């Protein structure tokens, strides 16, 4: 197993879970979720929002507000891409229900997306140790790796961000 050296050390006290990260992540999650819902219903496929949300997050937090940490950017990226994933789950589930002759109401669609999101989190918690921690370096995660590189380059700034 490769020797894991975290970008942010445990000893560092860097803000991560902040109000601005939550608000920006939720806003970007709504925007990219709506865009992905439209795209998915129109052409039958969705795109990942992780890297675009990470770049926009860096532009907003570090560019416009002149402050923001790599962990806040990571939080915004995670929240934003979760919105896109939930939208994809809904747009591929609800039309199937309609094809089966059901007519789900808005409250039912909300419940489906809430339950789907909770099930996703509940499955990821036990799988994290195996898929992320133990298999680090063995399993390729191209998008996650690319997103991490984008966040680290943005944190370093200068020519590293180009």
Foldseek 3Di string as FASTA:
>chain_A
DDDDDDPDDPVDDDDADDPVLVVLLQVLLVVQLVVQLVVCVVPNDGDFCLQVQLVVLLCVACNVVVHDALNSSVSSSVSNRLSNVLSVVLSVPVVVCVVVVDDDDPVVSVVVSVVVSVVVVVVCVVCCCVPPVVCVPPDDDPVVVVSVQCSVLSNVDDPSND
